[in-house]
Amino acid sequence: MTKYFNVLLVFFVTVTFLSAQTPTPNDWYYGNPGEGFNGISMHKAYNEFLKNKKTRTVVVAVIDSGIDIQHEDLAANIWVNPGEIPMNGIDDDKNGYVDDVHGWNFIGGPDGSNVGPDTYEATRVYASLKYKYGSATPSTLNKEQKAEYDTYIKAKETVDKEIEKAKASLEKLDNVEKKVTEAFANLGNSLGDKPFNKENVEAMDATASQELTMAKTLALQYLMDNEGMTLDDVTSTIKGELNEDRKYFQNKLDFAYNTDFDPRKTIVKDNYNDPNEKYYGNNDVEGPDPLHGTHVGGIIGAVRNNDLGMDGVAPNVKLMSVRAVPDGDERDKDVANAIRYAVDNGADVINMSFGKGFGTHKQLVDEAVQYAASKDVLLVHAAGNSAQNNDVTTNYPNAKFEKKTGFLCKKQKMAKNWIEVGALSYNTGEEAAAPFSNYGSTQVDLFSPGMKIYSTMPNNEYAQLQGTSMASPVVAGVAATIRSVYPSLTAEQVKEAIMKSVTPLTQMVKLPGSKTDTISFSKLSVTGGTVNLDKALQYASTMKGKKKHSEIKA
């Protein structure tokens, strides 16, 4: 959604959202905790601990929407498959994927086309079960059928609720546009013959109505960004942004929650019912909209000290782009294959900034996670942005193995090569936890900076975004740094170093999703703390590596 969405929806009520838009330094999380922000001690680590330290190259796979591999701040750090000759139409390294020079795209078609929008998993579950349970009588179902019926009802309720919300939002936007047009016309009348500029708008009396007050506030916000804008420019820009927001909600109706929409059949053309199928997709690792993956990739591995944009967390890294996340929910088959592809092609760390409320083929993902563990690969995953307790409400994928997964060791219930990450705010005190972040004293391992995170965007641009999607790559970057300096440490040891070295936060904070309830930050995750690069490296330096020299990747 666009920059001023919340302002526009509450056009007659409040200007609180604008007051929250105070500038936050782009590098706010680089510093030490307690120095204005809860940073990760990145500056300290590089200025002291990492100074003159030798590093080896670490490969981090970014399973996401795709990466702009030509970006000025990423191109030098993009992984190149050493066994593949570019664009010769031959599977030179015989790994099953033709011309996978920089990674692979599991949601692309053999003709080079790509899945853009896709449905949510709740929609797919609802669509697959409604023929079976649409008119079912619960009392006649056996135990197994009842469990499936409950899943159907949960999916149906989710889809119905979200459709109504999208429709209501579209109605609100129509009303807002009408009021915006009227309010800015009144603002123009109030100015009279005076030029539309910051000085004149600030001086005008807007106390006649809340609408005029909001119009004045919005006008000043836009003039702050571009002083040369005319009143017509501002009105036109706002209408354009409202149209973008309409598109966002209309897409939910047309694609995300549309049970008749299935781009898979016409684009990817795999046998979706075959969970063991691996060799499908194409080599387009950017895809139609690499915004999300590009931002995530920059946090991990934007080129450091090149006087461009920003610095990635990791010092010596190559980013492998594995596309598996559409504009909608990722599919378990693609996630499992993406993990296996990354592992088989040399990834040391895998970042997974995605998630959903339903998991229809969790066993596939569990087996891929276990495969990654067998190859000593660390997985870092975003906890989700629903302000929910993951101990109570399941977020997929996750580190907890399904009991029925016979492939796994019966005694091992949780993946030991998995780190689950919640989002830390740039605020301190009671607002330290990002208000949208999922949490859980057993299912979320730690928190990491995830609000107003400045990073790379497609077409050589940069921007601040927020979400646990941004918190996860910060931790992935820390993990990559440890593996770069201490290659003999196993994935489990790297996780231990990160977990045991967090900066503990013990103050009472607002419970994510609530305006009034508070909780000790220490109870929001397993560690009760936030990631700290310098302390993690210090801890890692005391550990005895378990990997033999022959097991360390060149």
Protein backbone atom coordinates (compact mmCIF):
# COMPACT_ATOMS: atom_id res chain seq x y z
CA MET A 1 0.00 0.00 0.00
CA THR A 2 1.08 3.55 -0.62
CA LYS A 3 2.83 5.97 1.68
CA TYR A 4 -0.20 7.90 2.96
CA PHE A 5 -2.78 5.10 2.96
CA ASN A 6 -3.54 5.32 6.68
CA VAL A 7 -3.71 9.11 6.57
CA LEU A 8 -6.21 9.05 3.77
CA LEU A 9 -8.46 6.45 5.39
CA VAL A 10 -8.73 8.54 8.54
CA PHE A 11 -9.02 11.81 6.67
CA PHE A 12 -11.61 13.24 9.04
CA VAL A 13 -10.36 11.78 12.31
CA THR A 14 -6.70 12.25 13.16
CA VAL A 15 -3.25 13.29 11.99
CA THR A 16 -1.46 10.79 14.25
CA PHE A 17 0.03 8.87 11.34
CA LEU A 18 1.82 11.88 9.98
CA SER A 19 3.26 12.74 13.36
CA ALA A 20 4.79 9.26 13.42
CA GLN A 21 6.65 9.93 10.19
CA THR A 22 9.57 11.64 11.89
CA PRO A 23 12.84 10.97 10.10
CA THR A 24 14.77 7.92 11.27
CA PRO A 25 18.43 7.56 10.22
CA ASN A 26 18.89 5.03 7.45
CA ASP A 27 21.67 3.38 9.46
CA TRP A 28 19.82 3.43 12.79
CA TYR A 29 20.46 -0.25 13.49
CA TYR A 30 24.20 -0.17 12.72
CA GLY A 31 25.12 1.29 16.12
CA ASN A 32 25.32 -0.07 19.65
CA PRO A 33 22.32 -0.75 21.87
CA GLY A 34 21.61 2.20 24.14
CA GLU A 35 23.05 4.79 21.76
CA GLY A 36 19.68 6.21 20.79
CA PHE A 37 18.52 3.03 19.06
CA ASN A 38 18.65 -0.71 19.75
CA GLY A 39 21.31 -1.41 17.14
CA ILE A 40 23.22 -4.59 16.35
CA SER A 41 26.73 -3.18 17.01
CA MET A 42 27.68 -3.47 13.35
CA HIS A 43 29.95 -0.42 13.35
CA LYS A 44 31.74 -1.71 16.43
CA ALA A 45 32.18 -5.19 14.96
CA TYR A 46 33.76 -3.83 11.78
CA ASN A 47 35.85 -1.16 13.46
CA GLU A 48 37.25 -3.47 16.11
CA PHE A 49 36.63 -7.22 15.97
CA LEU A 50 36.64 -7.67 12.19
CA LYS A 51 39.48 -5.25 11.56
CA ASN A 52 42.22 -7.14 9.68
CA LYS A 53 40.31 -10.43 10.04
CA LYS A 54 40.52 -12.83 7.13
CA THR A 55 37.20 -13.99 5.71
CA ARG A 56 36.11 -16.64 3.27
CA THR A 57 33.29 -16.20 0.78
CA VAL A 58 29.92 -17.37 2.07
CA VAL A 59 26.94 -18.11 -0.18
CA VAL A 60 23.57 -16.93 1.09
CA ALA A 61 20.51 -18.12 -0.80
CA VAL A 62 17.60 -15.69 -0.81
CA ILE A 63 14.38 -17.61 -1.38
CA ASP A 64 12.07 -14.77 -2.32
CA SER A 65 10.33 -12.89 -5.14
CA GLY A 66 13.55 -12.46 -7.12
CA ILE A 67 16.53 -10.10 -7.02
CA ASP A 68 17.56 -7.26 -9.33
CA ILE A 69 20.96 -8.78 -10.06
CA GLN A 70 22.08 -5.72 -12.05
CA HIS A 71 21.62 -3.34 -9.10
CA GLU A 72 24.64 -1.07 -8.64
CA ASP A 73 24.99 -2.10 -4.98
CA LEU A 74 24.41 -5.83 -5.51
CA ALA A 75 25.86 -6.86 -8.87
CA ALA A 76 29.37 -7.50 -7.55
CA ASN A 77 27.97 -9.76 -4.83
CA ILE A 78 25.62 -11.88 -6.93
CA TRP A 79 26.41 -15.60 -6.92
CA VAL A 80 27.65 -17.07 -10.18
CA ASN A 81 27.34 -20.81 -10.77
CA PRO A 82 30.91 -21.86 -11.59
CA GLY A 83 29.76 -24.95 -13.47
CA GLU A 84 27.36 -23.22 -15.85
CA ILE A 85 28.12 -21.53 -19.17
CA PRO A 86 25.67 -18.62 -19.52
CA MET A 87 22.84 -18.81 -22.03
CA ASN A 88 24.04 -21.77 -24.05
CA GLY A 89 20.85 -23.75 -23.47
CA ILE A 90 22.77 -26.63 -21.90
CA ASP A 91 22.75 -27.99 -18.37
CA ASP A 92 26.54 -27.78 -18.16
CA ASP A 93 26.87 -28.81 -14.51
CA LYS A 94 24.18 -31.50 -14.93
CA ASN A 95 22.25 -30.43 -11.85
CA GLY A 96 18.94 -30.63 -13.69
CA TYR A 97 18.58 -26.88 -14.30
CA VAL A 98 19.55 -25.30 -17.62
CA ASP A 99 21.52 -22.03 -17.52
CA ASP A 100 21.03 -21.54 -13.77
CA VAL A 101 23.82 -18.98 -13.70
CA HIS A 102 22.61 -16.95 -10.71
CA GLY A 103 20.03 -19.29 -9.19
CA TRP A 104 16.65 -20.66 -10.25
CA ASN A 105 13.00 -19.64 -10.59
CA PHE A 106 10.49 -22.27 -9.42
CA ILE A 107 7.48 -20.14 -10.32
CA GLY A 108 8.36 -19.56 -13.94
CA GLY A 109 7.31 -21.32 -17.11
CA PRO A 110 9.35 -23.19 -19.72
CA ASP A 111 8.63 -20.38 -22.20
CA GLY A 112 10.19 -17.77 -19.91
CA SER A 113 6.90 -16.46 -18.52
CA ASN A 114 6.43 -15.93 -14.78
CA VAL A 115 3.82 -16.19 -12.07
CA GLY A 116 3.15 -12.70 -10.71
CA PRO A 117 -0.06 -12.67 -8.67
CA ASP A 118 -1.14 -15.94 -7.09
CA THR A 119 -3.70 -17.06 -4.55
CA TYR A 120 -3.23 -17.33 -0.80
CA GLU A 121 -2.95 -20.79 0.72
CA ALA A 122 -6.29 -20.32 2.50
CA THR A 123 -7.90 -19.83 -0.92
CA ARG A 124 -6.30 -22.96 -2.29
CA VAL A 125 -7.39 -25.01 0.73
CA TYR A 126 -10.93 -23.68 0.48
CA ALA A 127 -11.09 -24.33 -3.27
CA SER A 128 -9.78 -27.88 -2.92
CA LEU A 129 -12.20 -28.89 -0.14
CA LYS A 130 -15.43 -27.01 -0.85
CA TYR A 131 -16.67 -29.65 -3.31
CA LYS A 132 -16.23 -32.24 -0.57
CA TYR A 133 -17.49 -30.36 2.48
CA GLY A 134 -19.57 -27.51 1.09
CA SER A 135 -22.81 -29.23 2.09
CA ALA A 136 -21.44 -31.69 4.64
CA THR A 137 -23.17 -32.51 7.92
CA PRO A 138 -20.47 -32.43 10.63
CA SER A 139 -22.19 -35.01 12.82
CA THR A 140 -21.88 -37.67 10.09
CA LEU A 141 -18.12 -37.29 9.65
CA ASN A 142 -15.52 -39.64 11.07
CA LYS A 143 -12.49 -38.39 13.03
CA GLU A 144 -10.26 -37.96 9.98
CA GLN A 145 -12.98 -36.26 7.98
CA LYS A 146 -13.82 -33.98 10.89
CA ALA A 147 -10.22 -32.74 11.06
CA GLU A 148 -10.28 -32.00 7.33
CA TYR A 149 -13.70 -30.36 7.66
CA ASP A 150 -12.38 -28.09 10.42
CA THR A 151 -9.55 -27.04 8.10
CA TYR A 152 -12.10 -26.32 5.39
CA ILE A 153 -14.20 -24.18 7.73
CA LYS A 154 -11.13 -22.26 8.91
CA ALA A 155 -10.06 -21.58 5.32
CA LYS A 156 -13.59 -20.60 4.27
CA GLU A 157 -13.94 -18.18 7.19
CA THR A 158 -10.56 -16.65 6.37
CA VAL A 159 -11.42 -16.16 2.70
CA ASP A 160 -14.91 -14.79 3.37
CA LYS A 161 -13.59 -12.39 6.01
CA GLU A 162 -10.78 -11.07 3.82
CA ILE A 163 -13.09 -10.61 0.83
CA GLU A 164 -15.43 -8.49 2.95
CA LYS A 165 -12.50 -6.47 4.28
CA ALA A 166 -11.22 -5.81 0.76
CA LYS A 167 -14.66 -4.72 -0.41
CA ALA A 168 -15.07 -2.44 2.61
CA SER A 169 -11.65 -0.89 1.99
CA LEU A 170 -12.55 -0.18 -1.63
CA GLU A 171 -15.72 1.59 -0.49
CA LYS A 172 -13.72 3.65 2.00
CA LEU A 173 -11.26 4.64 -0.67
CA ASP A 174 -14.07 5.87 -2.93
CA ASN A 175 -15.43 7.98 -0.07
CA VAL A 176 -11.96 9.29 0.80
CA GLU A 177 -11.31 10.39 -2.78
CA LYS A 178 -14.53 12.38 -2.79
CA LYS A 179 -13.67 14.07 0.52
CA VAL A 180 -10.05 14.70 -0.53
CA THR A 181 -11.23 16.47 -3.68
CA GLU A 182 -13.65 18.63 -1.67
CA ALA A 183 -11.12 19.41 1.08
CA PHE A 184 -8.38 20.48 -1.30
CA ALA A 185 -10.83 22.61 -3.22
CA ASN A 186 -11.66 24.34 0.08
CA LEU A 187 -7.95 24.70 0.82
CA GLY A 188 -7.50 26.41 -2.55
CA ASN A 189 -10.41 28.74 -1.81
CA SER A 190 -8.92 29.57 1.61
CA LEU A 191 -5.61 30.51 -0.01
CA GLY A 192 -7.39 32.78 -2.48
CA ASP A 193 -4.88 34.54 -4.71
CA LYS A 194 -1.89 33.56 -2.55
CA PRO A 195 0.60 31.15 -4.15
CA PHE A 196 0.48 27.53 -3.03
CA ASN A 197 3.74 27.17 -1.11
CA LYS A 198 4.92 25.99 2.28
CA GLU A 199 4.95 29.48 3.82
CA ASN A 200 1.39 30.35 2.78
CA VAL A 201 -0.05 26.95 3.69
CA GLU A 202 1.56 27.07 7.13
CA ALA A 203 0.13 30.53 7.75
CA MET A 204 -3.45 29.74 6.75
CA ASP A 205 -6.19 29.22 9.35
CA ALA A 206 -7.49 25.67 8.92
CA THR A 207 -9.53 25.45 12.13
CA ALA A 208 -12.86 25.70 10.32
CA SER A 209 -13.08 21.92 9.90
CA GLN A 210 -11.18 18.72 10.46
CA GLU A 211 -11.19 18.13 6.71
CA LEU A 212 -9.41 21.42 6.07
CA THR A 213 -6.95 20.71 8.90
CA MET A 214 -6.07 17.36 7.34
CA ALA A 215 -5.78 18.90 3.87
CA LYS A 216 -3.37 21.47 5.25
CA THR A 217 -1.32 18.77 7.01
CA LEU A 218 -1.18 16.59 3.90
CA ALA A 219 -0.27 19.54 1.69
CA LEU A 220 2.64 20.42 3.98
CA GLN A 221 3.81 16.81 3.93
CA TYR A 222 3.89 16.76 0.14
CA LEU A 223 5.53 20.20 -0.02
CA MET A 224 8.20 18.91 2.35
CA ASP A 225 9.05 16.25 -0.23
CA ASN A 226 8.78 18.57 -3.24
CA GLU A 227 8.42 22.31 -2.68
CA GLY A 228 7.67 22.98 -6.32
CA MET A 229 4.36 21.07 -6.34
CA THR A 230 1.17 22.94 -7.22
CA LEU A 231 -2.14 22.33 -5.50
CA ASP A 232 -3.31 20.43 -8.60
CA ASP A 233 -0.13 18.34 -8.43
CA VAL A 234 -0.83 17.36 -4.83
CA THR A 235 -4.47 16.53 -5.55
CA SER A 236 -3.48 14.48 -8.59
CA THR A 237 -0.73 12.68 -6.69
CA ILE A 238 -3.09 11.73 -3.87
CA LYS A 239 -5.65 10.43 -6.36
CA GLY A 240 -2.88 8.39 -7.98
CA GLU A 241 -1.91 6.92 -4.64
CA LEU A 242 -5.55 6.13 -3.91
CA ASN A 243 -5.70 4.28 -7.22
CA GLU A 244 -2.64 2.29 -6.22
CA ASP A 245 -4.40 1.35 -3.00
CA ARG A 246 -7.51 0.41 -4.97
CA LYS A 247 -5.35 -1.86 -7.09
CA TYR A 248 -3.95 -3.48 -3.92
CA PHE A 249 -7.41 -4.38 -2.64
CA GLN A 250 -8.82 -5.22 -6.05
CA ASN A 251 -5.98 -7.69 -6.53
CA LYS A 252 -7.10 -9.42 -3.36
CA LEU A 253 -10.52 -9.92 -4.92
CA ASP A 254 -9.26 -10.78 -8.42
CA PHE A 255 -6.35 -13.00 -7.45
CA ALA A 256 -5.47 -13.65 -3.80
CA TYR A 257 -8.92 -14.77 -2.62
CA ASN A 258 -10.36 -15.84 -5.96
CA THR A 259 -10.96 -19.60 -5.82
CA ASP A 260 -11.21 -19.76 -9.63
CA PHE A 261 -7.78 -18.19 -10.22
CA ASP A 262 -4.87 -20.56 -10.82
CA PRO A 263 -1.87 -19.21 -12.77
CA ARG A 264 0.04 -22.41 -12.11
CA LYS A 265 -1.68 -24.41 -14.84
CA THR A 266 -1.04 -21.97 -17.66
CA ILE A 267 2.42 -20.71 -16.68
CA VAL A 268 4.54 -23.20 -14.72
CA LYS A 269 2.93 -26.26 -16.33
CA ASP A 270 4.39 -28.68 -13.79
CA ASN A 271 2.50 -31.65 -12.40
CA TYR A 272 1.46 -29.86 -9.23
CA ASN A 273 0.02 -33.06 -7.76
CA ASP A 274 3.44 -34.69 -7.89
CA PRO A 275 5.25 -33.48 -4.74
CA ASN A 276 8.47 -35.19 -5.80
CA GLU A 277 8.81 -33.30 -9.09
CA LYS A 278 11.88 -31.07 -8.99
CA TYR A 279 12.86 -30.02 -12.46
CA TYR A 280 10.52 -27.27 -13.59
CA GLY A 281 10.66 -23.46 -13.79
CA ASN A 282 13.18 -21.26 -15.58
CA ASN A 283 16.36 -19.29 -14.96
CA ASP A 284 14.76 -15.83 -14.60
CA VAL A 285 15.91 -15.03 -11.06
CA GLU A 286 14.51 -11.48 -11.14
CA GLY A 287 10.93 -12.17 -12.11
CA PRO A 288 8.28 -9.53 -12.84
CA ASP A 289 8.59 -7.75 -9.48
CA PRO A 290 11.89 -8.27 -7.60
CA LEU A 291 11.21 -5.45 -5.10
CA HIS A 292 10.92 -7.61 -1.98
CA GLY A 293 13.83 -9.91 -2.75
CA THR A 294 16.07 -7.03 -3.80
CA HIS A 295 15.46 -5.24 -0.50
CA VAL A 296 16.10 -8.44 1.47
CA GLY A 297 19.26 -9.18 -0.52
CA GLY A 298 20.68 -5.73 0.11
CA ILE A 299 20.30 -6.07 3.87
CA ILE A 300 22.38 -9.23 3.78
CA GLY A 301 24.93 -8.42 1.14
CA ALA A 302 24.93 -4.97 -0.44
CA VAL A 303 28.54 -4.14 -1.32
CA ARG A 304 30.23 -2.55 1.67
CA ASN A 305 32.23 0.69 1.65
CA ASN A 306 31.54 1.59 -1.98
CA ASP A 307 29.95 4.97 -1.24
CA LEU A 308 26.65 3.77 -2.67
CA GLY A 309 23.33 3.51 -0.86
CA MET A 310 24.00 1.37 2.18
CA ASP A 311 26.16 -1.45 3.51
CA GLY A 312 25.07 -5.06 3.81
CA VAL A 313 25.67 -6.84 7.12
CA ALA A 314 27.96 -9.56 5.73
CA PRO A 315 31.56 -8.79 4.64
CA ASN A 316 32.30 -11.47 2.05
CA VAL A 317 29.11 -12.83 0.56
CA LYS A 318 27.53 -14.03 -2.65
CA LEU A 319 23.76 -13.83 -3.02
CA MET A 320 21.99 -16.73 -4.75
CA SER A 321 18.52 -15.80 -5.96
CA VAL A 322 15.98 -18.61 -5.74
CA ARG A 323 12.56 -17.41 -6.81
CA ALA A 324 9.63 -19.17 -5.10
CA VAL A 325 7.49 -16.36 -3.67
CA PRO A 326 4.78 -14.81 -5.89
CA ASP A 327 2.47 -11.90 -5.13
CA GLY A 328 0.43 -14.20 -2.91
CA ASP A 329 1.37 -17.21 -0.80
CA GLU A 330 4.32 -19.42 -1.65
CA ARG A 331 3.57 -23.09 -2.33
CA ASP A 332 5.16 -25.81 -0.21
CA LYS A 333 6.39 -27.77 -3.21
CA ASP A 334 8.31 -24.74 -4.47
CA VAL A 335 9.73 -23.93 -1.02
CA ALA A 336 10.96 -27.50 -0.55
CA ASN A 337 12.58 -27.53 -3.98
CA ALA A 338 14.08 -24.08 -3.43
CA ILE A 339 15.71 -25.22 -0.19
CA ARG A 340 17.11 -28.34 -1.85
CA TYR A 341 18.37 -26.34 -4.84
CA ALA A 342 20.14 -23.86 -2.55
CA VAL A 343 21.72 -26.64 -0.50
CA ASP A 344 22.87 -28.63 -3.52
CA ASN A 345 24.43 -25.56 -5.12
CA GLY A 346 26.58 -24.46 -2.23
CA ALA A 347 24.51 -22.22 0.06
CA ASP A 348 25.84 -21.86 3.61
CA VAL A 349 22.85 -19.83 4.84
CA ILE A 350 19.31 -19.59 3.46
CA ASN A 351 17.08 -16.60 4.16
CA MET A 352 13.32 -17.14 4.00
CA SER A 353 11.30 -13.95 4.37
CA PHE A 354 7.85 -15.39 3.72
CA GLY A 355 5.10 -17.22 5.55
CA LYS A 356 1.41 -18.11 5.66
CA GLY A 357 -1.36 -19.37 7.90
CA PHE A 358 -1.91 -22.73 6.22
CA GLY A 359 0.53 -25.49 5.33
CA THR A 360 -0.89 -28.14 3.06
CA HIS A 361 2.31 -30.10 2.37
CA LYS A 362 4.39 -29.39 5.44
CA GLN A 363 6.05 -32.79 5.28
CA LEU A 364 7.73 -31.78 2.00
CA VAL A 365 9.22 -28.70 3.63
CA ASP A 366 10.19 -30.62 6.78
CA GLU A 367 12.14 -33.12 4.73
CA ALA A 368 13.91 -30.34 2.84
CA VAL A 369 14.81 -28.68 6.16
CA GLN A 370 16.21 -31.97 7.42
CA TYR A 371 18.15 -32.33 4.18
CA ALA A 372 19.63 -28.89 4.75
CA ALA A 373 20.58 -29.94 8.27
CA SER A 374 22.35 -33.02 6.92
CA LYS A 375 24.42 -30.71 4.69
CA ASP A 376 25.12 -28.23 7.50
CA VAL A 377 23.07 -25.35 6.08
CA LEU A 378 21.47 -22.78 8.39
CA LEU A 379 17.94 -21.54 7.70
CA VAL A 380 16.76 -18.11 8.86
CA HIS A 381 13.03 -17.40 8.70
CA ALA A 382 10.76 -14.40 9.26
CA ALA A 383 8.22 -14.98 12.04
CA GLY A 384 5.38 -13.14 10.28
CA ASN A 385 3.55 -9.82 10.42
CA SER A 386 0.16 -10.73 11.89
CA ALA A 387 0.91 -9.61 15.48
CA GLN A 388 0.07 -13.13 16.56
CA ASN A 389 1.50 -15.51 19.14
CA ASN A 390 3.15 -18.26 17.10
CA ASP A 391 3.07 -20.51 20.16
CA VAL A 392 -0.72 -20.51 19.83
CA THR A 393 -1.41 -19.90 16.14
CA THR A 394 0.77 -21.75 13.66
CA ASN A 395 2.71 -19.81 11.07
CA TYR A 396 4.11 -21.82 8.14
CA PRO A 397 6.79 -22.86 7.45
CA ASN A 398 8.30 -23.40 10.87
CA ALA A 399 10.93 -25.36 12.75
CA LYS A 400 8.49 -27.76 14.39
CA PHE A 401 8.37 -31.06 12.55
CA GLU A 402 5.09 -32.86 11.97
CA LYS A 403 4.86 -36.06 14.02
CA LYS A 404 3.87 -38.13 11.01
CA THR A 405 7.03 -37.26 9.11
CA GLY A 406 8.72 -40.64 9.13
CA PHE A 407 11.79 -39.31 7.33
CA LEU A 408 12.79 -37.48 10.51
CA CYS A 409 14.32 -38.76 13.68
CA LYS A 410 11.45 -39.42 16.10
CA LYS A 411 13.28 -37.81 19.00
CA GLN A 412 13.92 -34.58 17.12
CA LYS A 413 10.81 -32.39 17.18
CA MET A 414 12.43 -29.08 16.20
CA ALA A 415 14.92 -28.26 13.49
CA LYS A 416 18.24 -27.33 15.06
CA ASN A 417 19.43 -25.53 11.94
CA TRP A 418 16.56 -23.01 11.98
CA ILE A 419 16.33 -19.48 13.44
CA GLU A 420 12.91 -17.79 13.69
CA VAL A 421 13.06 -13.98 13.77
CA GLY A 422 10.66 -11.33 15.10
CA ALA A 423 10.86 -7.63 14.24
CA LEU A 424 12.40 -4.96 16.47
CA SER A 425 11.28 -1.33 16.17
CA TYR A 426 13.55 1.70 15.88
CA ASN A 427 11.66 2.91 18.95
CA THR A 428 12.90 2.09 22.44
CA GLY A 429 11.04 1.74 25.71
CA GLU A 430 7.55 0.30 25.55
CA GLU A 431 7.45 0.46 21.75
CA ALA A 432 10.57 -1.65 21.20
CA ALA A 433 8.68 -4.51 19.57
CA ALA A 434 7.35 -3.77 16.09
CA PRO A 435 3.55 -3.51 16.46
CA PHE A 436 2.96 -5.95 13.60
CA SER A 437 5.49 -8.62 14.59
CA ASN A 438 4.57 -12.19 15.43
CA TYR A 439 6.11 -13.45 18.66
CA GLY A 440 6.30 -16.56 20.83
CA SER A 441 8.28 -17.68 23.85
CA THR A 442 8.92 -21.10 22.26
CA GLN A 443 8.45 -20.57 18.51
CA VAL A 444 10.30 -17.28 17.91
CA ASP A 445 14.01 -17.35 18.73
CA LEU A 446 14.96 -13.68 18.89
CA PHE A 447 14.13 -10.21 17.58
CA SER A 448 16.04 -8.18 15.00
CA PRO A 449 15.67 -4.69 13.47
CA GLY A 450 12.66 -4.72 11.17
CA MET A 451 11.20 -1.20 10.97
CA LYS A 452 12.36 1.57 8.64
CA ILE A 453 15.14 -0.60 7.25
CA TYR A 454 16.92 1.14 4.39
CA SER A 455 18.06 -1.12 1.58
CA THR A 456 18.31 -1.70 -2.14
CA MET A 457 15.30 -1.48 -4.46
CA PRO A 458 15.02 -2.38 -8.17
CA ASN A 459 16.54 -0.05 -10.77
CA ASN A 460 19.37 1.24 -8.57
CA GLU A 461 17.03 2.77 -6.04
CA TYR A 462 16.85 2.56 -2.23
CA ALA A 463 14.05 2.83 0.32
CA GLN A 464 12.99 2.09 3.88
CA LEU A 465 10.67 -0.90 4.25
CA GLN A 466 9.50 -2.78 7.29
CA GLY A 467 8.41 -6.24 8.33
CA THR A 468 9.85 -9.42 9.78
CA SER A 469 10.93 -9.85 6.16
CA MET A 470 13.56 -7.18 6.89
CA ALA A 471 14.43 -8.54 10.36
CA SER A 472 15.27 -12.02 9.06
CA PRO A 473 18.02 -10.95 6.59
CA VAL A 474 19.73 -8.93 9.33
CA VAL A 475 20.14 -12.22 11.23
CA ALA A 476 21.08 -14.06 8.03
CA GLY A 477 23.79 -11.45 7.51
CA VAL A 478 25.07 -11.99 11.05
CA ALA A 479 25.11 -15.75 10.45
CA ALA A 480 26.97 -15.29 7.16
CA THR A 481 29.55 -13.10 8.91
CA ILE A 482 30.20 -15.76 11.55
CA ARG A 483 30.51 -18.48 8.91
CA SER A 484 32.84 -16.24 6.94
CA VAL A 485 35.22 -15.71 9.87
CA TYR A 486 34.81 -19.12 11.54
CA PRO A 487 34.15 -21.65 8.76
CA SER A 488 34.75 -24.66 11.04
CA LEU A 489 31.63 -23.87 13.08
CA THR A 490 28.57 -25.92 12.21
CA ALA A 491 25.15 -24.46 11.47
CA GLU A 492 24.02 -25.45 14.97
CA GLN A 493 27.05 -23.74 16.49
CA VAL A 494 26.39 -20.57 14.50
CA LYS A 495 22.82 -20.60 15.79
CA GLU A 496 24.13 -21.06 19.34
CA ALA A 497 26.52 -18.12 18.95
CA ILE A 498 23.68 -15.88 17.77
CA MET A 499 21.20 -17.05 20.42
CA LYS A 500 23.60 -16.92 23.36
CA SER A 501 24.88 -13.43 22.53
CA VAL A 502 21.66 -11.45 22.21
CA THR A 503 21.22 -8.07 23.83
CA PRO A 504 18.58 -8.80 26.50
CA LEU A 505 15.63 -6.43 26.78
CA THR A 506 13.67 -6.71 30.00
CA GLN A 507 11.39 -3.67 29.94
CA MET A 508 7.63 -3.87 29.60
CA VAL A 509 6.55 -3.29 26.00
CA LYS A 510 3.29 -3.02 24.12
CA LEU A 511 2.13 -6.46 23.06
CA PRO A 512 2.24 -6.52 19.25
CA GLY A 513 -1.24 -5.93 17.92
CA SER A 514 -2.49 -4.23 21.10
CA LYS A 515 -2.63 -0.54 22.03
CA THR A 516 -3.05 -1.18 25.75
CA ASP A 517 -1.74 -4.62 26.77
CA THR A 518 1.89 -4.85 27.82
CA ILE A 519 4.32 -7.71 28.30
CA SER A 520 7.96 -8.09 29.25
CA PHE A 521 10.04 -8.07 26.08
CA SER A 522 11.88 -11.06 27.53
CA LYS A 523 8.73 -13.17 27.05
CA LEU A 524 8.30 -12.45 23.35
CA SER A 525 10.94 -14.96 22.24
CA VAL A 526 13.09 -17.87 23.35
CA THR A 527 16.07 -15.64 24.11
CA GLY A 528 14.17 -12.54 25.16
CA GLY A 529 16.69 -10.42 23.29
CA THR A 530 17.86 -8.85 20.05
CA VAL A 531 20.61 -9.89 17.67
CA ASN A 532 24.06 -8.36 18.21
CA LEU A 533 26.74 -8.85 15.55
CA ASP A 534 29.73 -7.89 17.69
CA LYS A 535 28.69 -10.05 20.65
CA ALA A 536 27.89 -12.98 18.36
CA LEU A 537 31.37 -12.82 16.85
CA GLN A 538 32.91 -12.58 20.32
CA TYR A 539 30.97 -15.66 21.40
CA ALA A 540 31.88 -17.55 18.22
CA SER A 541 35.56 -16.83 18.85
CA THR A 542 35.37 -18.94 22.03
CA MET A 543 33.86 -21.98 20.32
CA LYS A 544 35.76 -24.98 19.06
CA GLY A 545 34.74 -25.79 15.50
CA LYS A 546 33.33 -29.25 14.84
CA LYS A 547 33.89 -29.32 11.09
CA LYS A 548 37.00 -30.92 9.66
CA HIS A 549 39.11 -28.98 7.20
CA SER A 550 37.92 -31.23 4.36
CA GLU A 551 34.30 -30.34 5.17
CA ILE A 552 34.80 -26.59 4.86
CA LYS A 553 33.68 -25.18 1.52
CA ALA A 554 36.32 -23.39 -0.51
